[in-house]
Amino acid sequence: MFTTPLSDQLGIRVPIWNAGMGGGLAGVELACAVSGAGGLGVLGMGGLPTAATREFIQQLKARTDAPYGVNLIMPLLDEGQVECCIDEEVPVLILFWGDAGPYVEKAHAAGTKVVVQVGSVEAAKDAAAAGVDAVMVQGVEAGGHNGSETGLAVIVPATVSAIAPIPVIAAGGIADGRGIAAMIDMGAQGVSLGTRFLCSDESRAAAGYKERIVSAMPDQTLHTKLFDGGWPNAAHRVLRNNVVQTWEDAGSPASGQRPGEGDNVGRMPVAGQDVELTRYGIFMPMDGFEGDLEDQVLYCGQSCGLIDDIKPAAEIMRSLSEEADAILSGRSA
């Protein structure tokens, strides 16, 4: 099975990570399944309180001895959330959309490796200068919050060259072994897949949301700043649905002038609390969601065009690994 220096360093069998999809969408079941299959399972704790973050981590630690990671979204940090991860001796801490510099030294002192997720070569250089252990770089193809304006096939080799020898993890638009092999060929030492693992049995996305992705094509996604409730001016890629179409039909008005802005459009449990969902908010529909998917944010990457099923994460890991390994082994033969 193919490995990289980074996967060897982390103690994982294959350099495949699930994206740390926030709000707990990437929860204990998904992270446990991915880590158990030899990859790096990542908890998506962005937007959750510190107490819930600690509970998720402790549940995962009770389920597996395999390496894992925790992803935090810096503009949405709860007080003490980074420190919680360090206290819990999380093996890999992934920080997104901000400066990791203030946390690197303390994390390293606790034995935690720090990865920063970025969307440009310049941001990768800044992260490298801060002393991080690896940089995850997103292409514009990626679903969810995504600050990139560059395709993965360009930004990955450019980043590899710019920050060598610091390892680079590629994210965005990858959903099969062909994409993984291409990124490894370009110098990436790992890959992070979001939309593919969102469509797994273990992801906490609402069933109808998963089904929408399976039936979608890349041209049905949109890179926008529309869903900004709770996180303004942050670009993201979503599936087109009724709320997007209604906004565009109204002339794509600015925040504060959009159709139905602030309307209650559903509810679901988040970190043990019943949360009311408002139009243009950032929380995607997950387990226990009540409402109409046409009114929700449906984060989705362009890799939706490569996904035609919903299946266990272990099966996804196996097919990804086998396909990528066959391609890479064939090239080296």
C-alpha atoms as a PDB file:
ATOM      1  CA  MET A   1       0.000   0.000   0.000  1.00  0.00           C
ATOM      2  CA  PHE A   2       1.316   3.453  -0.899  1.00  0.00           C
ATOM      3  CA  THR A   3       2.622   5.661   1.892  1.00  0.00           C
ATOM      4  CA  THR A   4       4.359   9.018   2.216  1.00  0.00           C
ATOM      5  CA  PRO A   5       6.856  10.411   4.719  1.00  0.00           C
ATOM      6  CA  LEU A   6       3.989  12.299   6.408  1.00  0.00           C
ATOM      7  CA  SER A   7       1.799   9.223   6.779  1.00  0.00           C
ATOM      8  CA  ASP A   8       4.757   7.337   8.239  1.00  0.00           C
ATOM      9  CA  GLN A   9       5.400  10.213  10.641  1.00  0.00           C
ATOM     10  CA  LEU A  10       1.767  10.223  11.787  1.00  0.00           C
ATOM     11  CA  GLY A  11       1.611   6.454  12.141  1.00  0.00           C
ATOM     12  CA  ILE A  12      -1.174   5.934   9.595  1.00  0.00           C
ATOM     13  CA  ARG A  13      -1.172   3.251   6.896  1.00  0.00           C
ATOM     14  CA  VAL A  14      -2.430   5.411   4.025  1.00  0.00           C
ATOM     15  CA  PRO A  15      -2.252   9.215   3.590  1.00  0.00           C
ATOM     16  CA  ILE A  16      -6.020   9.722   3.319  1.00  0.00           C
ATOM     17  CA  TRP A  17      -7.869  12.035   5.719  1.00  0.00           C
ATOM     18  CA  ASN A  18     -11.544  12.842   6.019  1.00  0.00           C
ATOM     19  CA  ALA A  19     -12.144  16.578   6.017  1.00  0.00           C
ATOM     20  CA  GLY A  20     -13.041  18.002   9.417  1.00  0.00           C
ATOM     21  CA  MET A  21     -16.504  19.113   8.366  1.00  0.00           C
ATOM     22  CA  GLY A  22     -17.720  21.465  11.062  1.00  0.00           C
ATOM     23  CA  GLY A  23     -20.579  21.489  13.498  1.00  0.00           C
ATOM     24  CA  GLY A  24     -19.830  17.863  14.294  1.00  0.00           C
ATOM     25  CA  LEU A  25     -20.856  16.657  10.839  1.00  0.00           C
ATOM     26  CA  ALA A  26     -17.541  14.802  10.860  1.00  0.00           C
ATOM     27  CA  GLY A  27     -18.212  13.169  14.206  1.00  0.00           C
ATOM     28  CA  VAL A  28     -16.986  10.227  16.230  1.00  0.00           C
ATOM     29  CA  GLU A  29     -18.432   7.523  13.963  1.00  0.00           C
ATOM     30  CA  LEU A  30     -16.793   8.896  10.826  1.00  0.00           C
ATOM     31  CA  ALA A  31     -13.435   9.695  12.413  1.00  0.00           C
ATOM     32  CA  CYS A  32     -13.313   6.284  14.072  1.00  0.00           C
ATOM     33  CA  ALA A  33     -14.102   4.505  10.805  1.00  0.00           C
ATOM     34  CA  VAL A  34     -11.474   6.396   8.804  1.00  0.00           C
ATOM     35  CA  SER A  35      -8.769   5.952  11.436  1.00  0.00           C
ATOM     36  CA  GLY A  36      -9.710   2.301  11.810  1.00  0.00           C
ATOM     37  CA  ALA A  37      -9.261   1.816   8.068  1.00  0.00           C
ATOM     38  CA  GLY A  38      -5.732   3.198   8.210  1.00  0.00           C
ATOM     39  CA  GLY A  39      -6.310   6.856   7.384  1.00  0.00           C
ATOM     40  CA  LEU A  40      -6.489   9.918   9.602  1.00  0.00           C
ATOM     41  CA  GLY A  41      -9.991  10.347  10.980  1.00  0.00           C
ATOM     42  CA  VAL A  42     -10.716  13.989  11.740  1.00  0.00           C
ATOM     43  CA  LEU A  43     -13.386  15.398  14.050  1.00  0.00           C
ATOM     44  CA  GLY A  44     -15.023  18.573  12.706  1.00  0.00           C
ATOM     45  CA  MET A  45     -15.468  20.705  15.814  1.00  0.00           C
ATOM     46  CA  GLY A  46     -15.720  24.113  14.164  1.00  0.00           C
ATOM     47  CA  GLY A  47     -18.644  26.104  15.546  1.00  0.00           C
ATOM     48  CA  LEU A  48     -19.126  23.895  18.611  1.00  0.00           C
ATOM     49  CA  PRO A  49     -18.571  24.842  22.267  1.00  0.00           C
ATOM     50  CA  THR A  50     -15.464  23.727  24.112  1.00  0.00           C
ATOM     51  CA  ALA A  51     -17.391  21.326  26.355  1.00  0.00           C
ATOM     52  CA  ALA A  52     -18.829  19.502  23.344  1.00  0.00           C
ATOM     53  CA  THR A  53     -15.400  19.400  21.716  1.00  0.00           C
ATOM     54  CA  ARG A  54     -13.933  17.708  24.778  1.00  0.00           C
ATOM     55  CA  GLU A  55     -16.808  15.218  24.867  1.00  0.00           C
ATOM     56  CA  PHE A  56     -16.337  14.274  21.204  1.00  0.00           C
ATOM     57  CA  ILE A  57     -12.582  13.834  21.693  1.00  0.00           C
ATOM     58  CA  GLN A  58     -13.020  11.657  24.753  1.00  0.00           C
ATOM     59  CA  GLN A  59     -15.609   9.513  22.985  1.00  0.00           C
ATOM     60  CA  LEU A  60     -13.252   8.991  20.061  1.00  0.00           C
ATOM     61  CA  LYS A  61     -10.318   8.145  22.340  1.00  0.00           C
ATOM     62  CA  ALA A  62     -12.484   5.526  24.042  1.00  0.00           C
ATOM     63  CA  ARG A  63     -13.270   3.960  20.655  1.00  0.00           C
ATOM     64  CA  THR A  64      -9.835   3.769  19.036  1.00  0.00           C
ATOM     65  CA  ASP A  65      -6.125   3.827  19.751  1.00  0.00           C
ATOM     66  CA  ALA A  66      -5.392   4.900  16.169  1.00  0.00           C
ATOM     67  CA  PRO A  67      -4.103   8.399  15.348  1.00  0.00           C
ATOM     68  CA  TYR A  68      -6.762  11.046  14.699  1.00  0.00           C
ATOM     69  CA  GLY A  69      -7.133  14.776  14.232  1.00  0.00           C
ATOM     70  CA  VAL A  70      -9.419  17.617  15.297  1.00  0.00           C
ATOM     71  CA  ASN A  71     -10.335  20.488  12.991  1.00  0.00           C
ATOM     72  CA  LEU A  72     -11.175  23.921  14.438  1.00  0.00           C
ATOM     73  CA  ILE A  73     -12.387  27.008  12.571  1.00  0.00           C
ATOM     74  CA  MET A  74     -10.568  30.008  13.972  1.00  0.00           C
ATOM     75  CA  PRO A  75     -13.228  32.704  13.360  1.00  0.00           C
ATOM     76  CA  LEU A  76     -15.678  30.462  15.257  1.00  0.00           C
ATOM     77  CA  LEU A  77     -13.402  29.449  18.153  1.00  0.00           C
ATOM     78  CA  ASP A  78     -15.023  29.033  21.527  1.00  0.00           C
ATOM     79  CA  GLU A  79     -13.014  30.175  24.536  1.00  0.00           C
ATOM     80  CA  GLY A  80     -10.500  27.508  25.487  1.00  0.00           C
ATOM     81  CA  GLN A  81     -11.247  25.301  22.480  1.00  0.00           C
ATOM     82  CA  VAL A  82      -7.659  25.098  21.209  1.00  0.00           C
ATOM     83  CA  GLU A  83      -6.378  24.584  24.742  1.00  0.00           C
ATOM     84  CA  CYS A  84      -8.901  21.761  25.193  1.00  0.00           C
ATOM     85  CA  CYS A  85      -7.407  19.922  22.207  1.00  0.00           C
ATOM     86  CA  ILE A  86      -3.899  20.393  23.553  1.00  0.00           C
ATOM     87  CA  ASP A  87      -4.927  19.259  27.044  1.00  0.00           C
ATOM     88  CA  GLU A  88      -6.508  16.139  25.536  1.00  0.00           C
ATOM     89  CA  GLU A  89      -3.238  15.448  23.687  1.00  0.00           C
ATOM     90  CA  VAL A  90      -4.900  15.376  20.285  1.00  0.00           C
ATOM     91  CA  PRO A  91      -2.331  13.901  17.860  1.00  0.00           C
ATOM     92  CA  VAL A  92      -3.080  16.321  15.005  1.00  0.00           C
ATOM     93  CA  LEU A  93      -4.702  19.756  15.359  1.00  0.00           C
ATOM     94  CA  ILE A  94      -5.944  21.308  12.117  1.00  0.00           C
ATOM     95  CA  LEU A  95      -6.606  25.056  12.259  1.00  0.00           C
ATOM     96  CA  PHE A  96      -8.558  26.762   9.481  1.00  0.00           C
ATOM     97  CA  TRP A  97      -8.943  30.371   8.399  1.00  0.00           C
ATOM     98  CA  GLY A  98      -6.515  32.208  10.656  1.00  0.00           C
ATOM     99  CA  ASP A  99      -3.087  32.551  12.237  1.00  0.00           C
ATOM    100  CA  ALA A 100      -1.912  29.416  14.023  1.00  0.00           C
ATOM    101  CA  GLY A 101       1.259  31.077  15.254  1.00  0.00           C
ATOM    102  CA  PRO A 102       0.099  31.737  18.835  1.00  0.00           C
ATOM    103  CA  TYR A 103      -0.683  28.039  19.361  1.00  0.00           C
ATOM    104  CA  VAL A 104       2.219  26.206  17.724  1.00  0.00           C
ATOM    105  CA  GLU A 105       4.728  26.242  20.576  1.00  0.00           C
ATOM    106  CA  LYS A 106       2.238  25.126  23.215  1.00  0.00           C
ATOM    107  CA  ALA A 107       0.867  22.379  20.966  1.00  0.00           C
ATOM    108  CA  HIS A 108       4.334  21.074  20.202  1.00  0.00           C
ATOM    109  CA  ALA A 109       5.182  21.037  23.898  1.00  0.00           C
ATOM    110  CA  ALA A 110       2.231  18.670  24.422  1.00  0.00           C
ATOM    111  CA  GLY A 111       3.211  16.451  21.499  1.00  0.00           C
ATOM    112  CA  THR A 112       0.437  17.720  19.221  1.00  0.00           C
ATOM    113  CA  LYS A 113       1.243  18.321  15.564  1.00  0.00           C
ATOM    114  CA  VAL A 114      -0.243  21.456  14.001  1.00  0.00           C
ATOM    115  CA  VAL A 115      -1.616  21.633  10.471  1.00  0.00           C
ATOM    116  CA  VAL A 116      -2.981  24.848   8.975  1.00  0.00           C
ATOM    117  CA  GLN A 117      -5.542  24.783   6.174  1.00  0.00           C
ATOM    118  CA  VAL A 118      -5.097  27.578   3.618  1.00  0.00           C
ATOM    119  CA  GLY A 119      -6.305  28.653   0.196  1.00  0.00           C
ATOM    120  CA  SER A 120      -3.263  30.368  -1.294  1.00  0.00           C
ATOM    121  CA  VAL A 121       0.485  29.963  -1.667  1.00  0.00           C
ATOM    122  CA  GLU A 122       1.099  33.156   0.308  1.00  0.00           C
ATOM    123  CA  ALA A 123      -0.982  31.887   3.226  1.00  0.00           C
ATOM    124  CA  ALA A 124       0.954  28.610   3.061  1.00  0.00           C
ATOM    125  CA  LYS A 125       4.215  30.536   3.338  1.00  0.00           C
ATOM    126  CA  ASP A 126       2.885  32.389   6.392  1.00  0.00           C
ATOM    127  CA  ALA A 127       1.894  29.100   8.010  1.00  0.00           C
ATOM    128  CA  ALA A 128       5.291  27.596   7.290  1.00  0.00           C
ATOM    129  CA  ALA A 129       6.971  30.609   8.869  1.00  0.00           C
ATOM    130  CA  ALA A 130       4.849  30.061  11.997  1.00  0.00           C
ATOM    131  CA  GLY A 131       6.438  26.647  12.455  1.00  0.00           C
ATOM    132  CA  VAL A 132       3.529  24.356  11.602  1.00  0.00           C
ATOM    133  CA  ASP A 133       4.148  20.676  10.899  1.00  0.00           C
ATOM    134  CA  ALA A 134       2.227  20.562   7.618  1.00  0.00           C
ATOM    135  CA  VAL A 135       0.004  22.721   5.442  1.00  0.00           C
ATOM    136  CA  MET A 136      -3.328  21.643   3.976  1.00  0.00           C
ATOM    137  CA  VAL A 137      -4.057  23.573   0.802  1.00  0.00           C
ATOM    138  CA  GLN A 138      -7.556  23.854  -0.679  1.00  0.00           C
ATOM    139  CA  GLY A 139      -8.386  24.237  -4.317  1.00  0.00           C
ATOM    140  CA  VAL A 140     -11.357  26.293  -5.427  1.00  0.00           C
ATOM    141  CA  GLU A 141     -13.155  23.006  -6.203  1.00  0.00           C
ATOM    142  CA  ALA A 142     -13.615  22.286  -2.487  1.00  0.00           C
ATOM    143  CA  GLY A 143     -17.030  22.283  -0.859  1.00  0.00           C
ATOM    144  CA  GLY A 144     -17.858  24.248   2.253  1.00  0.00           C
ATOM    145  CA  HIS A 145     -15.877  27.270   3.367  1.00  0.00           C
ATOM    146  CA  ASN A 146     -13.104  27.815   0.910  1.00  0.00           C
ATOM    147  CA  GLY A 147     -10.893  30.868   0.542  1.00  0.00           C
ATOM    148  CA  SER A 148      -9.153  29.637  -2.599  1.00  0.00           C
ATOM    149  CA  GLU A 149      -9.458  31.095  -6.074  1.00  0.00           C
ATOM    150  CA  THR A 150      -7.102  28.574  -7.688  1.00  0.00           C
ATOM    151  CA  GLY A 151      -7.616  25.021  -8.911  1.00  0.00           C
ATOM    152  CA  LEU A 152      -5.954  22.192  -7.023  1.00  0.00           C
ATOM    153  CA  ALA A 153      -3.814  21.126  -9.991  1.00  0.00           C
ATOM    154  CA  VAL A 154      -2.053  24.498  -9.848  1.00  0.00           C
ATOM    155  CA  ILE A 155      -2.043  25.365  -6.164  1.00  0.00           C
ATOM    156  CA  VAL A 156      -0.685  22.011  -4.940  1.00  0.00           C
ATOM    157  CA  PRO A 157       2.577  21.919  -6.927  1.00  0.00           C
ATOM    158  CA  ALA A 158       3.048  25.651  -6.385  1.00  0.00           C
ATOM    159  CA  THR A 159       2.677  25.207  -2.629  1.00  0.00           C
ATOM    160  CA  VAL A 160       4.927  22.136  -2.555  1.00  0.00           C
ATOM    161  CA  SER A 161       7.670  24.164  -4.241  1.00  0.00           C
ATOM    162  CA  ALA A 162       7.105  27.244  -2.079  1.00  0.00           C
ATOM    163  CA  ILE A 163       7.327  25.633   1.372  1.00  0.00           C
ATOM    164  CA  ALA A 164       9.492  22.537   0.852  1.00  0.00           C
ATOM    165  CA  PRO A 165      10.367  20.460   2.827  1.00  0.00           C
ATOM    166  CA  ILE A 166       7.189  21.077   4.876  1.00  0.00           C
ATOM    167  CA  PRO A 167       4.563  18.473   3.885  1.00  0.00           C
ATOM    168  CA  VAL A 168       1.496  19.515   1.906  1.00  0.00           C
ATOM    169  CA  ILE A 169      -1.944  17.894   2.138  1.00  0.00           C
ATOM    170  CA  ALA A 170      -4.229  18.436  -0.875  1.00  0.00           C
ATOM    171  CA  ALA A 171      -7.940  19.189  -0.426  1.00  0.00           C
ATOM    172  CA  GLY A 172     -10.723  19.953  -2.869  1.00  0.00           C
ATOM    173  CA  GLY A 173     -12.337  18.046  -5.712  1.00  0.00           C
ATOM    174  CA  ILE A 174     -10.833  14.655  -4.811  1.00  0.00           C
ATOM    175  CA  ALA A 175     -13.221  11.708  -4.643  1.00  0.00           C
ATOM    176  CA  ASP A 176     -11.437   8.708  -6.151  1.00  0.00           C
ATOM    177  CA  GLY A 177      -8.080   7.003  -6.440  1.00  0.00           C
ATOM    178  CA  ARG A 178      -7.265   8.833  -9.666  1.00  0.00           C
ATOM    179  CA  GLY A 179      -7.418  12.177  -7.896  1.00  0.00           C
ATOM    180  CA  ILE A 180      -5.365  10.884  -4.992  1.00  0.00           C
ATOM    181  CA  ALA A 181      -2.677   9.498  -7.297  1.00  0.00           C
ATOM    182  CA  ALA A 182      -2.539  12.784  -9.203  1.00  0.00           C
ATOM    183  CA  MET A 183      -1.988  14.755  -6.002  1.00  0.00           C
ATOM    184  CA  ILE A 184       0.740  12.382  -4.809  1.00  0.00           C
ATOM    185  CA  ASP A 185       2.416  12.747  -8.216  1.00  0.00           C
ATOM    186  CA  MET A 186       2.321  16.524  -7.758  1.00  0.00           C
ATOM    187  CA  GLY A 187       4.182  16.253  -4.471  1.00  0.00           C
ATOM    188  CA  ALA A 188       1.383  16.180  -1.903  1.00  0.00           C
ATOM    189  CA  GLN A 189       2.030  13.890   1.056  1.00  0.00           C
ATOM    190  CA  GLY A 190      -1.621  13.478   1.961  1.00  0.00           C
ATOM    191  CA  VAL A 191      -5.150  14.142   0.742  1.00  0.00           C
ATOM    192  CA  SER A 192      -8.244  15.349   2.576  1.00  0.00           C
ATOM    193  CA  LEU A 193     -11.683  14.423   1.235  1.00  0.00           C
ATOM    194  CA  GLY A 194     -14.869  16.149   2.355  1.00  0.00           C
ATOM    195  CA  THR A 195     -17.765  15.607  -0.039  1.00  0.00           C
ATOM    196  CA  ARG A 196     -16.857  11.938  -0.596  1.00  0.00           C
ATOM    197  CA  PHE A 197     -16.913  11.230   3.150  1.00  0.00           C
ATOM    198  CA  LEU A 198     -20.013  13.388   3.664  1.00  0.00           C
ATOM    199  CA  CYS A 199     -21.682  10.711   1.525  1.00  0.00           C
ATOM    200  CA  SER A 200     -20.727   7.920   3.907  1.00  0.00           C
ATOM    201  CA  ASP A 201     -22.992   6.018   6.262  1.00  0.00           C
ATOM    202  CA  GLU A 202     -21.127   7.441   9.251  1.00  0.00           C
ATOM    203  CA  SER A 203     -21.300  11.140   8.404  1.00  0.00           C
ATOM    204  CA  ARG A 204     -23.893  13.076  10.377  1.00  0.00           C
ATOM    205  CA  ALA A 205     -25.308  14.835   7.316  1.00  0.00           C
ATOM    206  CA  ALA A 206     -29.073  14.482   6.898  1.00  0.00           C
ATOM    207  CA  ALA A 207     -30.016  11.571   4.635  1.00  0.00           C
ATOM    208  CA  GLY A 208     -31.711  13.793   2.062  1.00  0.00           C
ATOM    209  CA  TYR A 209     -28.647  16.032   1.921  1.00  0.00           C
ATOM    210  CA  LYS A 210     -26.433  13.049   1.066  1.00  0.00           C
ATOM    211  CA  GLU A 211     -28.891  11.964  -1.621  1.00  0.00           C
ATOM    212  CA  ARG A 212     -28.863  15.428  -3.186  1.00  0.00           C
ATOM    213  CA  ILE A 213     -25.080  15.286  -3.516  1.00  0.00           C
ATOM    214  CA  VAL A 214     -25.109  11.825  -5.104  1.00  0.00           C
ATOM    215  CA  SER A 215     -27.466  13.086  -7.824  1.00  0.00           C
ATOM    216  CA  ALA A 216     -25.616  16.396  -8.390  1.00  0.00           C
ATOM    217  CA  MET A 217     -23.076  17.458 -11.015  1.00  0.00           C
ATOM    218  CA  PRO A 218     -20.229  19.992 -10.657  1.00  0.00           C
ATOM    219  CA  ASP A 219     -22.063  22.740 -12.568  1.00  0.00           C
ATOM    220  CA  GLN A 220     -24.820  22.593  -9.945  1.00  0.00           C
ATOM    221  CA  THR A 221     -22.464  24.023  -7.323  1.00  0.00           C
ATOM    222  CA  LEU A 222     -21.763  27.692  -6.639  1.00  0.00           C
ATOM    223  CA  HIS A 223     -18.807  29.467  -5.012  1.00  0.00           C
ATOM    224  CA  THR A 224     -20.430  32.310  -3.065  1.00  0.00           C
ATOM    225  CA  LYS A 225     -20.604  34.306   0.164  1.00  0.00           C
ATOM    226  CA  LEU A 226     -24.380  33.975   0.435  1.00  0.00           C
ATOM    227  CA  PHE A 227     -24.660  31.895   3.611  1.00  0.00           C
ATOM    228  CA  ASP A 228     -23.016  34.278   6.038  1.00  0.00           C
ATOM    229  CA  GLY A 229     -25.134  34.113   9.200  1.00  0.00           C
ATOM    230  CA  GLY A 230     -22.572  33.758  11.968  1.00  0.00           C
ATOM    231  CA  TRP A 231     -19.532  33.989   9.681  1.00  0.00           C
ATOM    232  CA  PRO A 232     -19.651  37.007   7.344  1.00  0.00           C
ATOM    233  CA  ASN A 233     -17.550  37.565   4.233  1.00  0.00           C
ATOM    234  CA  ALA A 234     -16.284  33.975   4.040  1.00  0.00           C
ATOM    235  CA  ALA A 235     -16.564  32.266   0.653  1.00  0.00           C
ATOM    236  CA  HIS A 236     -17.993  28.764   0.400  1.00  0.00           C
ATOM    237  CA  ARG A 237     -19.099  26.267  -2.250  1.00  0.00           C
ATOM    238  CA  VAL A 238     -22.679  24.995  -2.065  1.00  0.00           C
ATOM    239  CA  LEU A 239     -25.282  23.122  -4.068  1.00  0.00           C
ATOM    240  CA  ARG A 240     -27.745  25.292  -5.904  1.00  0.00           C
ATOM    241  CA  ASN A 241     -31.252  25.005  -4.457  1.00  0.00           C
ATOM    242  CA  ASN A 242     -34.364  27.134  -4.067  1.00  0.00           C
ATOM    243  CA  VAL A 243     -32.866  29.607  -1.596  1.00  0.00           C
ATOM    244  CA  VAL A 244     -29.932  30.247  -3.950  1.00  0.00           C
ATOM    245  CA  GLN A 245     -32.217  30.597  -6.978  1.00  0.00           C
ATOM    246  CA  THR A 246     -34.579  32.989  -5.180  1.00  0.00           C
ATOM    247  CA  TRP A 247     -31.644  35.177  -4.167  1.00  0.00           C
ATOM    248  CA  GLU A 248     -30.270  35.235  -7.722  1.00  0.00           C
ATOM    249  CA  ASP A 249     -33.718  35.979  -9.167  1.00  0.00           C
ATOM    250  CA  ALA A 250     -33.904  38.984  -6.821  1.00  0.00           C
ATOM    251  CA  GLY A 251     -30.675  40.326  -8.322  1.00  0.00           C
ATOM    252  CA  SER A 252     -28.278  38.804  -5.764  1.00  0.00           C
ATOM    253  CA  PRO A 253     -28.813  41.596  -3.193  1.00  0.00           C
ATOM    254  CA  ALA A 254     -26.370  42.250  -0.380  1.00  0.00           C
ATOM    255  CA  SER A 255     -26.726  41.001   3.171  1.00  0.00           C
ATOM    256  CA  GLY A 256     -29.603  42.751   4.916  1.00  0.00           C
ATOM    257  CA  GLN A 257     -31.637  43.032   1.711  1.00  0.00           C
ATOM    258  CA  ARG A 258     -32.059  39.388   0.737  1.00  0.00           C
ATOM    259  CA  PRO A 259     -35.424  37.602   0.334  1.00  0.00           C
ATOM    260  CA  GLY A 260     -36.664  36.103   3.592  1.00  0.00           C
ATOM    261  CA  GLU A 261     -33.544  37.070   5.488  1.00  0.00           C
ATOM    262  CA  GLY A 262     -33.663  35.910   9.101  1.00  0.00           C
ATOM    263  CA  ASP A 263     -36.686  33.657   8.597  1.00  0.00           C
ATOM    264  CA  ASN A 264     -36.799  30.490  10.657  1.00  0.00           C
ATOM    265  CA  VAL A 265     -36.311  27.642   8.169  1.00  0.00           C
ATOM    266  CA  GLY A 266     -35.859  24.600  10.376  1.00  0.00           C
ATOM    267  CA  ARG A 267     -34.410  23.143  13.522  1.00  0.00           C
ATOM    268  CA  MET A 268     -31.998  20.420  14.617  1.00  0.00           C
ATOM    269  CA  PRO A 269     -29.983  19.336  17.644  1.00  0.00           C
ATOM    270  CA  VAL A 270     -26.440  20.751  17.826  1.00  0.00           C
ATOM    271  CA  ALA A 271     -24.154  19.735  20.697  1.00  0.00           C
ATOM    272  CA  GLY A 272     -27.159  18.668  22.746  1.00  0.00           C
ATOM    273  CA  GLN A 273     -29.099  21.886  22.184  1.00  0.00           C
ATOM    274  CA  ASP A 274     -32.161  22.353  19.984  1.00  0.00           C
ATOM    275  CA  VAL A 275     -31.108  25.026  17.481  1.00  0.00           C
ATOM    276  CA  GLU A 276     -33.405  27.066  15.254  1.00  0.00           C
ATOM    277  CA  LEU A 277     -32.000  27.480  11.748  1.00  0.00           C
ATOM    278  CA  THR A 278     -32.344  30.815   9.994  1.00  0.00           C
ATOM    279  CA  ARG A 279     -32.217  31.542   6.289  1.00  0.00           C
ATOM    280  CA  TYR A 280     -28.635  32.208   5.099  1.00  0.00           C
ATOM    281  CA  GLY A 281     -27.151  30.657   8.249  1.00  0.00           C
ATOM    282  CA  ILE A 282     -23.989  28.539   8.203  1.00  0.00           C
ATOM    283  CA  PHE A 283     -25.213  25.288   9.797  1.00  0.00           C
ATOM    284  CA  MET A 284     -25.912  22.512   7.282  1.00  0.00           C
ATOM    285  CA  PRO A 285     -28.685  19.925   7.869  1.00  0.00           C
ATOM    286  CA  MET A 286     -27.510  17.023  10.046  1.00  0.00           C
ATOM    287  CA  ASP A 287     -29.011  14.183  12.090  1.00  0.00           C
ATOM    288  CA  GLY A 288     -32.369  15.197  13.546  1.00  0.00           C
ATOM    289  CA  PHE A 289     -32.924  18.006  11.023  1.00  0.00           C
ATOM    290  CA  GLU A 290     -36.507  19.190  10.594  1.00  0.00           C
ATOM    291  CA  GLY A 291     -37.270  21.439   7.651  1.00  0.00           C
ATOM    292  CA  ASP A 292     -37.028  21.744   3.870  1.00  0.00           C
ATOM    293  CA  LEU A 293     -33.633  21.146   2.231  1.00  0.00           C
ATOM    294  CA  GLU A 294     -34.541  23.791  -0.349  1.00  0.00           C
ATOM    295  CA  ASP A 295     -34.190  26.427   2.390  1.00  0.00           C
ATOM    296  CA  GLN A 296     -30.814  25.244   3.733  1.00  0.00           C
ATOM    297  CA  VAL A 297     -27.137  25.671   3.008  1.00  0.00           C
ATOM    298  CA  LEU A 298     -25.938  22.478   1.314  1.00  0.00           C
ATOM    299  CA  TYR A 299     -22.151  22.581   1.239  1.00  0.00           C
ATOM    300  CA  CYS A 300     -20.809  20.513  -1.639  1.00  0.00           C
ATOM    301  CA  GLY A 301     -17.595  20.283  -3.645  1.00  0.00           C
ATOM    302  CA  GLN A 302     -17.267  19.818  -7.378  1.00  0.00           C
ATOM    303  CA  SER A 303     -16.271  16.214  -6.693  1.00  0.00           C
ATOM    304  CA  CYS A 304     -20.014  15.491  -6.455  1.00  0.00           C
ATOM    305  CA  GLY A 305     -19.756  14.564 -10.127  1.00  0.00           C
ATOM    306  CA  LEU A 306     -17.585  11.588  -9.149  1.00  0.00           C
ATOM    307  CA  ILE A 307     -19.846  10.295  -6.352  1.00  0.00           C
ATOM    308  CA  ASP A 308     -22.713   7.935  -7.109  1.00  0.00           C
ATOM    309  CA  ASP A 309     -23.295   6.109  -3.845  1.00  0.00           C
ATOM    310  CA  ILE A 310     -23.537   6.332  -0.072  1.00  0.00           C
ATOM    311  CA  LYS A 311     -21.624   3.575   1.695  1.00  0.00           C
ATOM    312  CA  PRO A 312     -19.588   2.794   4.810  1.00  0.00           C
ATOM    313  CA  ALA A 313     -16.446   4.857   5.287  1.00  0.00           C
ATOM    314  CA  ALA A 314     -14.341   1.692   5.521  1.00  0.00           C
ATOM    315  CA  GLU A 315     -15.496   0.699   2.025  1.00  0.00           C
ATOM    316  CA  ILE A 316     -14.707   4.179   0.737  1.00  0.00           C
ATOM    317  CA  MET A 317     -11.243   3.966   2.279  1.00  0.00           C
ATOM    318  CA  ARG A 318     -10.641   0.554   0.747  1.00  0.00           C
ATOM    319  CA  SER A 319     -11.658   1.567  -2.777  1.00  0.00           C
ATOM    320  CA  LEU A 320      -9.713   4.836  -2.607  1.00  0.00           C
ATOM    321  CA  SER A 321      -6.581   3.108  -1.344  1.00  0.00           C
ATOM    322  CA  GLU A 322      -6.713   0.227  -3.797  1.00  0.00           C
ATOM    323  CA  GLU A 323      -7.340   2.423  -6.831  1.00  0.00           C
ATOM    324  CA  ALA A 324      -4.643   4.945  -5.930  1.00  0.00           C
ATOM    325  CA  ASP A 325      -2.169   2.191  -5.089  1.00  0.00           C
ATOM    326  CA  ALA A 326      -2.771   0.427  -8.406  1.00  0.00           C
ATOM    327  CA  ILE A 327      -2.159   3.643 -10.335  1.00  0.00           C
ATOM    328  CA  LEU A 328       0.945   4.644  -8.396  1.00  0.00           C
ATOM    329  CA  SER A 329       2.391   1.124  -8.436  1.00  0.00           C
ATOM    330  CA  GLY A 330       1.857   0.907 -12.181  1.00  0.00           C
ATOM    331  CA  ARG A 331       3.731   4.135 -12.758  1.00  0.00           C
ATOM    332  CA  SER A 332       6.708   3.002 -10.710  1.00  0.00           C
ATOM    333  CA  ALA A 333       6.886  -0.456 -12.298  1.00  0.00           C
END
